[in-house]
Amino acid sequence: MLNCHELRMLIIFQVAMVFMVQNVFQIYSTFGQQLNPDDPYIKEALSHPNKDLYRFSQNSSFYSTHAQWLSDKEDTNVLWWENVIAIQQVGIFVGSILFGYISDHCGRKTVCQYSLLVSSAVLLFEGLQSSTIIIAICRFIIGTQTGAIIVVSWSLTTELISPRTRFLARAFANWPTGKFILALICFFSRNWRISLHVCAGFTFLGAILYLLFVPESPTYLQCHAQRERAQTIVSDIFERSNGQCIITLPTGIRSKPLTFCQIWRKEKYRNVIILFGAIWIMTNFTATMLDFSEVIIFKNNLIYSQMLLAGVPALCKIFLGLIEIYLGIISRRNLHLVSLFINGASMCASGIFIVLGIHKSHPTLYVIVFLIGYSSIEFIWDACYLCVVEQVPTEVRGTISGACSFFSRLSGIIASKMTIVKRQWEAAPLFIAFGAAIIHFLIAFFFLNESKDANLGEIGFTLRRISQKMSQKINLIRNMTKKEKRPSEVTIPGVVVIERSDPSNPVLKTVHLDKQQSD
């Protein structure tokens, strides 16, 4: 079970997760964009006097920012307003790679506390604005900080808890719970401005919690030659957890940070970026596409639909977390593959239901099947985050995690426009998700390694073997597509020797023999 230290870390991580979701405009704008100007709902909004910012907070039917701008009779820039959510995605796209890199040079805690502090001020300011251009700019800034927290807070949390707790960190402090809390905020506030201000309060609380109760990552400090401070933090964590949380610090890792260009030039890092980048791209594309195209699945009610889409995955993750606590049988690779299979099958079935009209004749059956597939995406995300943390060394973990998030957000920007495709064919997003699941499954099946309970301090010494294994699999797949070679043309396999640079941590290295030596 969790100890006091790890429980505190998960609670703080969950508070930060409420800020990470930031779907306020998705909730408040989608409903209004589906209505015509002559709709009774819009007419009701127009009939309310323009007296104060919170004038619609008592109107049980008012959810739309779009209707508020119509009722204000202000000159709304349609281009900015219709793309405000995509602009936020662009901000996440930029912030992921930028702040992931900064966290590897300035520290995980520093990025978290300052990003949350800045974001709380921006959210408060944004809730007071009426200009759509200013709001769009605020959304971009919020997006950059969201990208920072998504990448850096997860790295910091995993580096402050024991290996056995990493899966629980995703199970009990998770994105669906944050999404559900945000939906509750919107449900009770009834006003998008109030919702932004409540989110600002949550975000400010998160900044204070990181400032007062979260230490800097000892693994990060060890890699930056601050060994005494790192040892002190490890000792404090050991005492606060009553000896249950043991953090192993890395040894023999360089203290000088690497630039992104230096990281990319190294094959062992480049292969990992390509592998996890592809996996993250497929996952985020599917998740974002379904978030934007399938927002209302429950009796044409947006808020209840959002609660359902958040509450069911959250409960499933908690259930899986309890299984891991008592049985400890969930591996990273199997979690990824099984979740992908369930997601692909459910999306295909949901698409067929729409084509055959079953979603109208049997709506409950359609909702259940869709929720099964939608919930499985959260477990795919869990495997993505866990595998990156457990297979990437500390000195480049923030940069590579940021790079993976950076590439995935690019697909998220494209996926946010899939509502246009849905207008042409309602089942299109579901069948596209099915196709993406097939490609994703093949990539994970051939290249993804198991990393459960990996020691974060020793990852740097095994990464070379992971990279070599990936290269060997690529070559194997290439050879399978070619004609079988004659015996004289068969390539002699490399000889594996042990480097003597670090006897306590040997690294396998392949030495290639030329033809004369082999003879």
Protein backbone atom coordinates (compact mmCIF):
# COMPACT_ATOMS: atom_id res chain seq x y z
CA MET A 1 0.00 0.00 0.00
CA LEU A 2 0.97 3.65 -0.34
CA ASN A 3 2.93 5.34 2.42
CA CYS A 4 2.45 8.95 3.58
CA HIS A 5 5.14 10.37 1.31
CA GLU A 6 3.90 8.67 -1.85
CA LEU A 7 0.26 9.43 -1.06
CA ARG A 8 1.13 13.12 -0.71
CA MET A 9 2.98 13.06 -4.04
CA LEU A 10 -0.03 11.51 -5.80
CA ILE A 11 -2.45 14.05 -4.31
CA ILE A 12 -0.25 16.95 -5.47
CA PHE A 13 0.10 15.34 -8.89
CA GLN A 14 -3.71 15.07 -9.13
CA VAL A 15 -4.14 18.76 -8.26
CA ALA A 16 -1.74 19.58 -11.09
CA MET A 17 -3.73 17.22 -13.32
CA VAL A 18 -6.83 19.42 -12.98
CA PHE A 19 -4.85 22.19 -14.64
CA MET A 20 -3.44 19.82 -17.30
CA VAL A 21 -6.91 18.95 -18.61
CA GLN A 22 -7.96 22.57 -19.36
CA ASN A 23 -10.95 21.63 -21.53
CA VAL A 24 -13.02 24.59 -20.33
CA PHE A 25 -13.49 26.00 -23.82
CA GLN A 26 -14.18 22.59 -25.28
CA ILE A 27 -17.03 22.15 -22.79
CA TYR A 28 -18.47 25.65 -23.09
CA SER A 29 -18.09 26.27 -26.81
CA THR A 30 -19.07 22.95 -28.42
CA PHE A 31 -22.72 23.13 -27.39
CA GLY A 32 -23.19 26.66 -28.66
CA GLN A 33 -21.50 26.00 -32.00
CA GLN A 34 -24.13 23.35 -32.78
CA LEU A 35 -27.02 25.85 -32.47
CA ASN A 36 -28.45 28.25 -35.04
CA PRO A 37 -28.94 31.98 -34.25
CA ASP A 38 -32.75 31.48 -34.30
CA ASP A 39 -32.62 28.65 -31.74
CA PRO A 40 -34.71 29.33 -28.57
CA TYR A 41 -31.60 28.79 -26.46
CA ILE A 42 -29.76 31.61 -28.26
CA LYS A 43 -32.83 33.83 -28.03
CA GLU A 44 -32.95 33.22 -24.29
CA ALA A 45 -29.31 34.30 -23.98
CA LEU A 46 -30.03 37.42 -26.03
CA SER A 47 -32.88 38.36 -23.71
CA HIS A 48 -30.60 38.63 -20.66
CA PRO A 49 -29.33 42.13 -19.84
CA ASN A 50 -25.61 42.83 -20.21
CA LYS A 51 -24.84 43.92 -16.64
CA ASP A 52 -21.94 41.92 -15.27
CA LEU A 53 -19.48 39.17 -16.19
CA TYR A 54 -21.24 36.48 -14.18
CA ARG A 55 -24.82 37.33 -15.26
CA PHE A 56 -25.59 33.80 -16.53
CA SER A 57 -24.40 31.91 -13.47
CA GLN A 58 -27.99 31.27 -12.28
CA ASN A 59 -29.31 30.20 -15.69
CA SER A 60 -29.48 26.40 -15.62
CA SER A 61 -29.45 26.14 -19.43
CA PHE A 62 -26.57 28.51 -20.12
CA TYR A 63 -23.33 26.79 -21.05
CA SER A 64 -22.24 28.46 -24.27
CA THR A 65 -19.50 31.06 -24.69
CA HIS A 66 -20.74 31.45 -28.25
CA ALA A 67 -24.15 32.56 -27.00
CA GLN A 68 -22.58 35.01 -24.58
CA TRP A 69 -20.73 36.77 -27.38
CA LEU A 70 -23.96 37.01 -29.36
CA SER A 71 -25.76 38.45 -26.35
CA ASP A 72 -22.98 40.97 -25.79
CA LYS A 73 -23.44 42.14 -29.40
CA GLU A 74 -19.71 42.66 -29.64
CA ASP A 75 -17.60 42.35 -32.75
CA THR A 76 -16.34 38.78 -32.34
CA ASN A 77 -13.47 37.66 -34.54
CA VAL A 78 -14.89 34.39 -35.86
CA LEU A 79 -11.55 33.08 -37.16
CA TRP A 80 -9.89 33.40 -33.75
CA TRP A 81 -12.90 32.06 -31.88
CA GLU A 82 -13.48 28.98 -34.05
CA ASN A 83 -9.79 28.01 -33.72
CA VAL A 84 -9.25 28.85 -30.05
CA ILE A 85 -9.02 25.17 -29.04
CA ALA A 86 -6.58 24.42 -31.89
CA ILE A 87 -4.51 27.41 -30.74
CA GLN A 88 -4.30 25.85 -27.28
CA GLN A 89 -3.08 22.62 -28.90
CA VAL A 90 -0.36 24.59 -30.70
CA GLY A 91 0.71 25.98 -27.32
CA ILE A 92 0.99 22.46 -25.89
CA PHE A 93 2.95 21.51 -29.02
CA VAL A 94 5.52 24.26 -28.31
CA GLY A 95 5.58 23.97 -24.50
CA SER A 96 6.24 20.22 -24.44
CA ILE A 97 9.63 20.31 -26.16
CA LEU A 98 10.66 23.70 -24.73
CA PHE A 99 10.00 23.03 -21.06
CA GLY A 100 11.06 19.40 -21.24
CA TYR A 101 14.47 20.67 -22.33
CA ILE A 102 14.47 23.41 -19.66
CA SER A 103 13.66 20.86 -16.94
CA ASP A 104 16.80 18.90 -17.81
CA HIS A 105 18.87 22.04 -17.28
CA CYS A 106 17.05 24.02 -14.57
CA GLY A 107 15.28 21.33 -12.56
CA ARG A 108 11.91 19.58 -12.49
CA LYS A 109 10.51 21.37 -9.42
CA THR A 110 11.49 24.81 -10.73
CA VAL A 111 9.55 24.31 -13.97
CA CYS A 112 6.48 22.91 -12.19
CA GLN A 113 6.06 25.61 -9.57
CA TYR A 114 6.69 28.55 -11.90
CA SER A 115 4.51 27.15 -14.71
CA LEU A 116 1.60 26.69 -12.32
CA LEU A 117 2.12 30.12 -10.77
CA VAL A 118 2.18 31.88 -14.16
CA SER A 119 -0.81 29.86 -15.37
CA SER A 120 -2.96 30.80 -12.38
CA ALA A 121 -2.42 34.49 -13.16
CA VAL A 122 -3.18 33.98 -16.87
CA LEU A 123 -6.39 32.05 -16.12
CA LEU A 124 -7.57 34.78 -13.76
CA PHE A 125 -6.83 37.47 -16.38
CA GLU A 126 -8.43 35.45 -19.18
CA GLY A 127 -11.71 35.10 -17.29
CA LEU A 128 -12.07 38.89 -17.28
CA GLN A 129 -11.58 39.39 -21.03
CA SER A 130 -14.12 39.92 -23.81
CA SER A 131 -11.80 40.22 -26.80
CA THR A 132 -11.52 36.91 -28.64
CA ILE A 133 -8.01 37.78 -29.82
CA ILE A 134 -6.77 38.34 -26.26
CA ILE A 135 -8.45 35.13 -25.14
CA ALA A 136 -6.79 33.23 -27.99
CA ILE A 137 -3.40 34.58 -26.91
CA CYS A 138 -4.13 33.52 -23.33
CA ARG A 139 -5.09 30.06 -24.58
CA PHE A 140 -1.73 29.77 -26.35
CA ILE A 141 0.13 30.71 -23.16
CA ILE A 142 -1.96 28.25 -21.14
CA GLY A 143 -1.18 25.61 -23.76
CA THR A 144 2.58 26.10 -23.39
CA GLN A 145 2.34 25.77 -19.62
CA THR A 146 0.04 22.75 -19.91
CA GLY A 147 2.67 21.09 -22.11
CA ALA A 148 5.27 21.83 -19.46
CA ILE A 149 3.24 20.33 -16.60
CA ILE A 150 2.18 17.25 -18.61
CA VAL A 151 5.80 16.31 -19.29
CA VAL A 152 7.73 17.61 -16.28
CA SER A 153 5.35 16.87 -13.38
CA TRP A 154 5.16 13.22 -14.41
CA SER A 155 8.96 12.91 -14.58
CA LEU A 156 9.29 14.61 -11.18
CA THR A 157 6.63 12.40 -9.56
CA THR A 158 8.16 9.14 -10.81
CA GLU A 159 11.62 10.21 -9.63
CA LEU A 160 10.28 10.77 -6.11
CA ILE A 161 8.44 7.47 -5.65
CA SER A 162 9.46 3.81 -5.61
CA PRO A 163 9.25 1.63 -8.77
CA ARG A 164 6.31 -0.38 -7.45
CA THR A 165 4.24 2.81 -7.08
CA ARG A 166 4.68 4.13 -10.64
CA PHE A 167 1.66 2.28 -12.01
CA LEU A 168 -0.42 3.40 -9.03
CA ALA A 169 0.59 6.99 -9.79
CA ARG A 170 -1.22 6.60 -13.11
CA ALA A 171 -4.12 4.64 -11.61
CA PHE A 172 -5.08 6.83 -8.64
CA ALA A 173 -3.89 10.25 -9.87
CA ASN A 174 -5.00 10.38 -13.47
CA TRP A 175 -6.28 12.42 -16.38
CA PRO A 176 -9.93 11.16 -16.29
CA THR A 177 -10.23 12.15 -12.61
CA GLY A 178 -8.96 15.63 -13.47
CA LYS A 179 -11.39 15.77 -16.40
CA PHE A 180 -14.25 14.71 -14.12
CA ILE A 181 -13.37 17.40 -11.56
CA LEU A 182 -13.29 19.99 -14.35
CA ALA A 183 -16.70 18.83 -15.59
CA LEU A 184 -18.06 19.22 -12.05
CA ILE A 185 -16.63 22.74 -11.86
CA CYS A 186 -18.40 23.63 -15.12
CA PHE A 187 -21.62 21.93 -14.00
CA PHE A 188 -21.89 23.92 -10.76
CA SER A 189 -20.51 27.25 -11.98
CA ARG A 190 -22.74 27.47 -15.11
CA ASN A 191 -20.45 30.18 -16.45
CA TRP A 192 -17.20 29.84 -18.37
CA ARG A 193 -15.64 32.86 -16.63
CA ILE A 194 -16.34 31.43 -13.17
CA SER A 195 -14.93 28.09 -14.31
CA LEU A 196 -11.69 29.74 -15.42
CA HIS A 197 -11.37 31.53 -12.08
CA VAL A 198 -12.00 28.33 -10.11
CA CYS A 199 -9.33 26.62 -12.26
CA ALA A 200 -7.02 29.53 -11.46
CA GLY A 201 -7.54 28.78 -7.76
CA PHE A 202 -6.75 25.08 -8.25
CA THR A 203 -3.65 25.99 -10.25
CA PHE A 204 -2.41 28.44 -7.64
CA LEU A 205 -2.95 25.77 -4.98
CA GLY A 206 -0.83 23.39 -7.06
CA ALA A 207 1.97 25.95 -7.28
CA ILE A 208 1.98 26.38 -3.48
CA LEU A 209 2.00 22.61 -2.92
CA TYR A 210 4.99 22.17 -5.22
CA LEU A 211 6.77 25.07 -3.55
CA LEU A 212 6.25 23.87 0.04
CA PHE A 213 5.95 20.09 -0.06
CA VAL A 214 7.76 18.73 -3.12
CA PRO A 215 11.58 18.43 -3.13
CA GLU A 216 13.70 18.59 -6.24
CA SER A 217 14.29 15.27 -7.95
CA PRO A 218 17.31 13.62 -6.26
CA THR A 219 18.00 11.70 -9.47
CA TYR A 220 18.21 15.00 -11.36
CA LEU A 221 20.47 16.50 -8.68
CA GLN A 222 22.78 13.47 -8.76
CA CYS A 223 23.18 13.82 -12.53
CA HIS A 224 24.09 17.50 -12.08
CA ALA A 225 26.88 16.84 -9.56
CA GLN A 226 24.81 17.93 -6.51
CA ARG A 227 25.37 14.60 -4.80
CA GLU A 228 25.20 15.76 -1.16
CA ARG A 229 21.84 17.48 -1.68
CA ALA A 230 20.54 14.42 -3.55
CA GLN A 231 21.58 12.08 -0.71
CA THR A 232 19.89 14.35 1.84
CA ILE A 233 16.60 14.26 -0.08
CA VAL A 234 16.78 10.46 -0.46
CA SER A 235 17.33 10.12 3.29
CA ASP A 236 14.42 12.44 4.08
CA ILE A 237 12.10 10.49 1.77
CA PHE A 238 13.20 7.22 3.39
CA GLU A 239 12.35 8.58 6.85
CA ARG A 240 8.99 10.13 5.83
CA SER A 241 7.92 6.86 4.20
CA ASN A 242 8.97 4.76 7.20
CA GLY A 243 11.52 2.96 5.07
CA GLN A 244 9.04 1.95 2.37
CA CYS A 245 10.22 4.30 -0.38
CA ILE A 246 13.80 3.57 -1.45
CA ILE A 247 15.22 5.67 -4.28
CA THR A 248 18.38 4.40 -5.98
CA LEU A 249 20.56 7.19 -7.36
CA PRO A 250 22.39 6.81 -10.69
CA THR A 251 26.14 6.27 -10.82
CA GLY A 252 28.62 7.09 -13.54
CA ILE A 253 26.31 9.42 -15.50
CA ARG A 254 27.70 12.67 -16.89
CA SER A 255 26.86 15.85 -15.01
CA LYS A 256 26.98 18.08 -18.10
CA PRO A 257 23.52 18.44 -19.72
CA LEU A 258 23.13 17.49 -23.37
CA THR A 259 21.56 19.73 -25.99
CA PHE A 260 18.79 18.36 -28.19
CA CYS A 261 21.15 18.22 -31.19
CA GLN A 262 23.65 16.19 -29.16
CA ILE A 263 20.88 13.85 -28.07
CA TRP A 264 19.63 13.37 -31.64
CA ARG A 265 23.13 12.60 -32.96
CA LYS A 266 23.46 9.67 -30.56
CA GLU A 267 21.89 6.57 -32.10
CA LYS A 268 20.80 5.10 -28.77
CA TYR A 269 18.76 8.24 -27.99
CA ARG A 270 17.57 8.79 -31.56
CA ASN A 271 16.10 5.29 -31.83
CA VAL A 272 14.19 5.76 -28.57
CA ILE A 273 12.81 9.15 -29.70
CA ILE A 274 11.62 7.65 -32.99
CA LEU A 275 10.02 4.64 -31.28
CA PHE A 276 8.20 6.45 -28.49
CA GLY A 277 7.48 9.45 -30.69
CA ALA A 278 5.57 7.18 -33.09
CA ILE A 279 3.66 5.54 -30.23
CA TRP A 280 2.75 8.88 -28.65
CA ILE A 281 1.65 10.29 -32.03
CA MET A 282 -0.77 7.42 -32.61
CA THR A 283 -2.13 7.58 -29.05
CA ASN A 284 -2.68 11.32 -28.97
CA PHE A 285 -4.20 11.37 -32.45
CA THR A 286 -6.83 8.81 -31.43
CA ALA A 287 -7.52 10.38 -28.03
CA THR A 288 -7.83 13.95 -29.35
CA MET A 289 -9.94 12.92 -32.34
CA LEU A 290 -12.46 11.12 -30.13
CA ASP A 291 -12.44 13.95 -27.56
CA PHE A 292 -13.41 16.48 -30.22
CA SER A 293 -15.69 14.39 -32.45
CA GLU A 294 -17.56 12.27 -29.88
CA VAL A 295 -18.27 14.86 -27.17
CA ILE A 296 -21.98 14.12 -26.70
CA ILE A 297 -22.95 10.46 -26.20
CA PHE A 298 -25.51 10.71 -23.39
CA LYS A 299 -29.01 11.93 -24.32
CA ASN A 300 -27.68 14.99 -26.15
CA ASN A 301 -26.36 16.44 -22.89
CA LEU A 302 -22.79 17.75 -23.12
CA ILE A 303 -21.98 18.06 -19.40
CA TYR A 304 -23.33 14.63 -18.48
CA SER A 305 -21.56 13.13 -21.47
CA GLN A 306 -18.27 14.66 -20.37
CA MET A 307 -18.78 13.33 -16.83
CA LEU A 308 -19.49 9.87 -18.22
CA LEU A 309 -16.44 9.95 -20.52
CA ALA A 310 -14.30 10.93 -17.54
CA GLY A 311 -15.89 8.95 -14.72
CA VAL A 312 -15.89 5.50 -16.35
CA PRO A 313 -12.16 5.55 -17.31
CA ALA A 314 -11.29 6.90 -13.84
CA LEU A 315 -13.10 4.02 -12.12
CA CYS A 316 -11.50 1.50 -14.50
CA LYS A 317 -8.04 2.86 -13.70
CA ILE A 318 -8.68 2.64 -9.96
CA PHE A 319 -9.89 -0.96 -10.38
CA LEU A 320 -6.77 -1.86 -12.35
CA GLY A 321 -4.65 -0.15 -9.71
CA LEU A 322 -6.19 -2.33 -7.00
CA ILE A 323 -5.42 -5.41 -9.10
CA GLU A 324 -1.79 -4.31 -9.31
CA ILE A 325 -1.63 -3.72 -5.54
CA TYR A 326 -2.89 -7.18 -4.60
CA LEU A 327 -1.69 -9.30 -7.52
CA GLY A 328 1.15 -7.35 -9.17
CA ILE A 329 0.57 -9.03 -12.55
CA ILE A 330 0.29 -6.03 -14.90
CA SER A 331 3.26 -5.64 -17.24
CA ARG A 332 3.86 -2.51 -19.32
CA ARG A 333 4.04 -4.25 -22.70
CA ASN A 334 0.97 -6.45 -22.18
CA LEU A 335 -1.00 -3.48 -20.85
CA HIS A 336 -0.17 -1.60 -24.04
CA LEU A 337 -1.00 -4.43 -26.45
CA VAL A 338 -4.22 -5.60 -24.75
CA SER A 339 -5.51 -2.02 -24.46
CA LEU A 340 -4.77 -1.42 -28.16
CA PHE A 341 -6.65 -4.58 -29.14
CA ILE A 342 -9.69 -3.59 -27.06
CA ASN A 343 -9.60 -0.04 -28.43
CA GLY A 344 -9.44 -1.16 -32.05
CA ALA A 345 -12.21 -3.74 -31.67
CA SER A 346 -14.51 -1.31 -29.82
CA MET A 347 -14.00 1.53 -32.30
CA CYS A 348 -14.67 -0.79 -35.23
CA ALA A 349 -17.84 -2.10 -33.58
CA SER A 350 -19.01 1.45 -32.75
CA GLY A 351 -18.48 2.49 -36.37
CA ILE A 352 -20.48 -0.50 -37.62
CA PHE A 353 -23.28 0.38 -35.18
CA ILE A 354 -23.51 3.86 -36.72
CA VAL A 355 -23.47 2.54 -40.28
CA LEU A 356 -26.27 0.07 -39.50
CA GLY A 357 -28.24 2.56 -37.38
CA ILE A 358 -27.91 0.48 -34.22
CA HIS A 359 -26.71 3.54 -32.27
CA LYS A 360 -30.23 4.95 -32.65
CA SER A 361 -32.23 1.77 -32.13
CA HIS A 362 -30.04 0.55 -29.25
CA PRO A 363 -28.30 3.69 -27.87
CA THR A 364 -27.37 2.08 -24.54
CA LEU A 365 -25.49 -0.75 -26.30
CA TYR A 366 -23.64 1.80 -28.45
CA VAL A 367 -22.64 3.89 -25.41
CA ILE A 368 -21.33 0.81 -23.56
CA VAL A 369 -19.24 -0.40 -26.51
CA PHE A 370 -17.89 3.09 -27.18
CA LEU A 371 -17.02 3.64 -23.50
CA ILE A 372 -15.05 0.37 -23.42
CA GLY A 373 -12.90 1.53 -26.32
CA TYR A 374 -12.64 5.10 -25.05
CA SER A 375 -11.57 3.94 -21.57
CA SER A 376 -8.85 1.71 -23.04
CA ILE A 377 -7.09 4.82 -24.41
CA GLU A 378 -6.23 5.82 -20.85
CA PHE A 379 -4.39 2.53 -20.32
CA ILE A 380 -2.51 3.06 -23.59
CA TRP A 381 -1.44 6.46 -22.26
CA ASP A 382 -0.34 4.83 -19.01
CA ALA A 383 1.93 2.44 -20.90
CA CYS A 384 3.30 5.34 -23.00
CA TYR A 385 4.28 7.43 -19.98
CA LEU A 386 5.60 4.50 -17.95
CA CYS A 387 7.75 3.10 -20.76
CA VAL A 388 9.36 6.47 -21.52
CA VAL A 389 10.20 7.11 -17.88
CA GLU A 390 11.49 3.58 -17.33
CA GLN A 391 13.59 3.36 -20.51
CA VAL A 392 15.13 6.85 -20.78
CA PRO A 393 18.08 8.01 -18.61
CA THR A 394 17.62 10.84 -16.13
CA GLU A 395 19.93 13.32 -17.83
CA VAL A 396 17.77 13.37 -20.97
CA ARG A 397 14.41 12.18 -19.61
CA GLY A 398 12.74 15.60 -19.67
CA THR A 399 14.03 16.41 -23.16
CA ILE A 400 13.03 13.09 -24.71
CA SER A 401 9.64 13.08 -22.94
CA GLY A 402 9.12 16.60 -24.21
CA ALA A 403 10.11 15.56 -27.74
CA CYS A 404 7.59 12.69 -27.68
CA SER A 405 4.87 15.03 -26.41
CA PHE A 406 5.94 17.63 -28.99
CA PHE A 407 5.43 15.23 -31.90
CA SER A 408 2.19 13.87 -30.45
CA ARG A 409 0.69 17.36 -30.10
CA LEU A 410 1.25 17.93 -33.81
CA SER A 411 -1.06 15.00 -34.48
CA GLY A 412 -3.43 16.44 -31.86
CA ILE A 413 -3.75 19.67 -33.85
CA ILE A 414 -4.72 17.65 -36.92
CA ALA A 415 -7.08 15.44 -34.91
CA SER A 416 -8.91 18.46 -33.48
CA LYS A 417 -10.16 19.18 -37.02
CA MET A 418 -11.70 15.72 -37.46
CA THR A 419 -15.12 17.22 -36.68
CA ILE A 420 -15.08 18.40 -40.32
CA VAL A 421 -14.67 14.79 -41.48
CA LYS A 422 -17.47 13.68 -39.17
CA ARG A 423 -19.88 16.09 -40.85
CA GLN A 424 -19.26 14.28 -44.12
CA TRP A 425 -19.57 10.77 -42.65
CA GLU A 426 -20.58 10.27 -39.02
CA ALA A 427 -18.69 6.99 -38.56
CA ALA A 428 -15.42 8.27 -40.09
CA PRO A 429 -13.58 9.12 -36.81
CA LEU A 430 -14.36 5.68 -35.39
CA PHE A 431 -13.03 3.79 -38.40
CA ILE A 432 -9.96 6.07 -38.51
CA ALA A 433 -9.37 5.22 -34.83
CA PHE A 434 -9.65 1.52 -35.75
CA GLY A 435 -7.01 1.90 -38.48
CA ALA A 436 -4.72 3.84 -36.15
CA ALA A 437 -5.06 1.08 -33.53
CA ILE A 438 -3.89 -1.55 -36.05
CA ILE A 439 -0.78 0.44 -36.99
CA HIS A 440 -0.06 1.26 -33.35
CA PHE A 441 -0.42 -2.40 -32.33
CA LEU A 442 2.12 -3.54 -34.93
CA ILE A 443 4.66 -0.90 -33.82
CA ALA A 444 4.26 -1.84 -30.15
CA PHE A 445 4.33 -5.58 -30.85
CA PHE A 446 7.62 -5.53 -32.76
CA PHE A 447 9.56 -2.82 -30.92
CA LEU A 448 8.23 -2.18 -27.40
CA ASN A 449 10.22 -3.68 -24.50
CA GLU A 450 9.07 -4.63 -21.02
CA SER A 451 10.29 -2.21 -18.32
CA LYS A 452 8.26 -2.97 -15.21
CA ASP A 453 10.02 -2.07 -11.91
CA ALA A 454 13.02 -0.62 -13.76
CA ASN A 455 15.57 1.16 -11.56
CA LEU A 456 15.69 4.76 -12.84
CA GLY A 457 19.27 5.09 -11.66
CA GLU A 458 20.49 2.26 -13.90
CA ILE A 459 18.64 3.03 -17.12
CA GLY A 460 21.65 4.74 -18.70
CA PHE A 461 23.58 1.47 -18.70
CA THR A 462 20.86 -0.58 -20.43
CA LEU A 463 19.74 1.95 -23.02
CA ARG A 464 22.47 0.88 -25.45
CA ARG A 465 21.08 -2.64 -25.46
CA ILE A 466 17.53 -1.35 -26.01
CA SER A 467 18.70 0.68 -29.00
CA GLN A 468 20.64 -2.27 -30.43
CA LYS A 469 17.65 -4.54 -30.00
CA MET A 470 15.48 -2.07 -31.88
CA SER A 471 18.02 -1.88 -34.73
CA GLN A 472 18.21 -5.68 -34.90
CA LYS A 473 14.42 -5.95 -35.14
CA ILE A 474 14.34 -3.39 -37.95
CA ASN A 475 17.00 -5.35 -39.84
CA LEU A 476 15.10 -8.59 -39.20
CA ILE A 477 11.91 -7.13 -40.65
CA ARG A 478 13.83 -5.88 -43.69
CA ASN A 479 15.39 -9.31 -44.26
CA MET A 480 11.99 -10.97 -44.05
CA THR A 481 10.89 -8.99 -47.11
CA LYS A 482 13.97 -9.97 -49.15
CA LYS A 483 14.86 -13.21 -50.91
CA GLU A 484 16.82 -15.70 -48.88
CA LYS A 485 20.57 -15.26 -49.39
CA ARG A 486 22.95 -18.00 -50.44
CA PRO A 487 25.25 -19.42 -47.72
CA SER A 488 28.24 -17.47 -49.05
CA GLU A 489 26.33 -14.22 -48.78
CA VAL A 490 25.06 -14.70 -45.25
CA THR A 491 26.25 -11.94 -42.96
CA ILE A 492 28.32 -13.11 -39.99
CA PRO A 493 26.68 -11.97 -36.74
CA GLY A 494 28.54 -9.55 -34.52
CA VAL A 495 30.56 -10.80 -31.56
CA VAL A 496 29.39 -9.54 -28.18
CA VAL A 497 32.11 -8.38 -25.80
CA ILE A 498 32.08 -6.53 -22.49
CA GLU A 499 33.50 -3.03 -22.20
CA ARG A 500 36.07 -2.64 -19.41
CA SER A 501 35.35 1.05 -18.73
CA ASP A 502 33.00 0.22 -15.85
CA PRO A 503 33.47 -3.30 -14.45
CA SER A 504 30.59 -2.92 -11.98
CA ASN A 505 28.15 -2.06 -14.79
CA PRO A 506 29.27 -3.84 -17.97
CA VAL A 507 27.73 -2.73 -21.24
CA LEU A 508 27.29 -5.13 -24.12
CA LYS A 509 28.89 -3.86 -27.28
CA THR A 510 28.79 -5.42 -30.72
CA VAL A 511 32.14 -5.80 -32.54
CA HIS A 512 31.88 -6.49 -36.27
CA LEU A 513 34.45 -8.82 -37.86
CA ASP A 514 35.67 -8.25 -41.38
CA LYS A 515 35.79 -11.10 -43.90
CA GLN A 516 39.50 -11.97 -43.42
CA GLN A 517 39.16 -12.21 -39.63
CA SER A 518 36.12 -14.43 -39.97
CA ASP A 519 38.07 -16.76 -42.19
